[in-house]
Amino acid sequence: MATNESETRTEALREAIEAARGEYLEEATGTPEDEAYNQAVSDVVAAIGALLEENK
């Protein structure tokens, strides 16, 4: 992958992480559904982060 393509992908992955972080529930009620939702968001952030590490 060319440097420019790599840099573009890195920036896209960073933007995706920030977008996913914006999905966390700010006023979670503590219900199992809210906890599961926030865990799913956390899993997405971790998965995108793993892609970002692979891109290095």
C-alpha atoms as a PDB file:
ATOM      1  CA  MET A   1       0.000   0.000   0.000  1.00  0.00           C
ATOM      2  CA  ALA A   2       1.443   3.356  -0.968  1.00  0.00           C
ATOM      3  CA  THR A   3       2.197   5.877   1.744  1.00  0.00           C
ATOM      4  CA  ASN A   4      -0.573   8.180   0.605  1.00  0.00           C
ATOM      5  CA  GLU A   5      -3.108   5.342   0.627  1.00  0.00           C
ATOM      6  CA  SER A   6      -1.875   4.256   4.044  1.00  0.00           C
ATOM      7  CA  GLU A   7      -2.182   7.772   5.420  1.00  0.00           C
ATOM      8  CA  THR A   8      -5.682   8.083   3.976  1.00  0.00           C
ATOM      9  CA  ARG A   9      -6.728   4.791   5.558  1.00  0.00           C
ATOM     10  CA  THR A  10      -5.200   5.764   8.893  1.00  0.00           C
ATOM     11  CA  GLU A  11      -7.100   9.043   8.914  1.00  0.00           C
ATOM     12  CA  ALA A  12     -10.343   7.279   7.943  1.00  0.00           C
ATOM     13  CA  LEU A  13      -9.927   4.763  10.756  1.00  0.00           C
ATOM     14  CA  ARG A  14      -9.234   7.531  13.278  1.00  0.00           C
ATOM     15  CA  GLU A  15     -12.359   9.332  12.125  1.00  0.00           C
ATOM     16  CA  ALA A  16     -14.349   6.104  12.440  1.00  0.00           C
ATOM     17  CA  ILE A  17     -13.148   5.661  16.017  1.00  0.00           C
ATOM     18  CA  GLU A  18     -14.213   9.190  16.915  1.00  0.00           C
ATOM     19  CA  ALA A  19     -17.601   8.662  15.260  1.00  0.00           C
ATOM     20  CA  ALA A  20     -18.117   5.414  17.161  1.00  0.00           C
ATOM     21  CA  ARG A  21     -17.139   7.039  20.458  1.00  0.00           C
ATOM     22  CA  GLY A  22     -19.846   9.598  19.828  1.00  0.00           C
ATOM     23  CA  GLU A  23     -22.386   6.772  20.048  1.00  0.00           C
ATOM     24  CA  TYR A  24     -21.802   6.044  23.730  1.00  0.00           C
ATOM     25  CA  LEU A  25     -24.904   6.695  25.789  1.00  0.00           C
ATOM     26  CA  GLU A  26     -24.163   9.747  27.919  1.00  0.00           C
ATOM     27  CA  GLU A  27     -27.057   9.233  30.274  1.00  0.00           C
ATOM     28  CA  ALA A  28     -27.132   5.479  30.529  1.00  0.00           C
ATOM     29  CA  THR A  29     -29.831   4.267  32.873  1.00  0.00           C
ATOM     30  CA  GLY A  30     -27.890   1.241  34.035  1.00  0.00           C
ATOM     31  CA  THR A  31     -30.327  -1.132  32.401  1.00  0.00           C
ATOM     32  CA  PRO A  32     -28.914  -4.293  30.864  1.00  0.00           C
ATOM     33  CA  GLU A  33     -29.860  -2.925  27.434  1.00  0.00           C
ATOM     34  CA  ASP A  34     -27.901   0.295  27.956  1.00  0.00           C
ATOM     35  CA  GLU A  35     -24.915  -1.602  29.301  1.00  0.00           C
ATOM     36  CA  ALA A  36     -25.026  -3.973  26.317  1.00  0.00           C
ATOM     37  CA  TYR A  37     -25.264  -1.041  23.902  1.00  0.00           C
ATOM     38  CA  ASN A  38     -22.268   0.716  25.444  1.00  0.00           C
ATOM     39  CA  GLN A  39     -20.333  -2.572  25.440  1.00  0.00           C
ATOM     40  CA  ALA A  40     -21.102  -2.970  21.748  1.00  0.00           C
ATOM     41  CA  VAL A  41     -19.836   0.549  21.071  1.00  0.00           C
ATOM     42  CA  SER A  42     -16.696  -0.276  23.039  1.00  0.00           C
ATOM     43  CA  ASP A  43     -16.225  -3.451  20.987  1.00  0.00           C
ATOM     44  CA  VAL A  44     -16.563  -1.469  17.747  1.00  0.00           C
ATOM     45  CA  VAL A  45     -13.970   1.066  18.920  1.00  0.00           C
ATOM     46  CA  ALA A  46     -11.609  -1.790  19.831  1.00  0.00           C
ATOM     47  CA  ALA A  47     -12.125  -3.511  16.476  1.00  0.00           C
ATOM     48  CA  ILE A  48     -11.441  -0.331  14.524  1.00  0.00           C
ATOM     49  CA  GLY A  49      -8.425   0.295  16.761  1.00  0.00           C
ATOM     50  CA  ALA A  50      -7.088  -3.154  15.842  1.00  0.00           C
ATOM     51  CA  LEU A  51      -7.424  -2.268  12.155  1.00  0.00           C
ATOM     52  CA  LEU A  52      -5.570   0.945  12.833  1.00  0.00           C
ATOM     53  CA  GLU A  53      -2.721  -0.994  14.456  1.00  0.00           C
ATOM     54  CA  GLU A  54      -2.564  -3.358  11.470  1.00  0.00           C
ATOM     55  CA  ASN A  55      -2.254  -0.337   9.205  1.00  0.00           C
ATOM     56  CA  LYS A  56       1.017   0.752  10.869  1.00  0.00           C
END
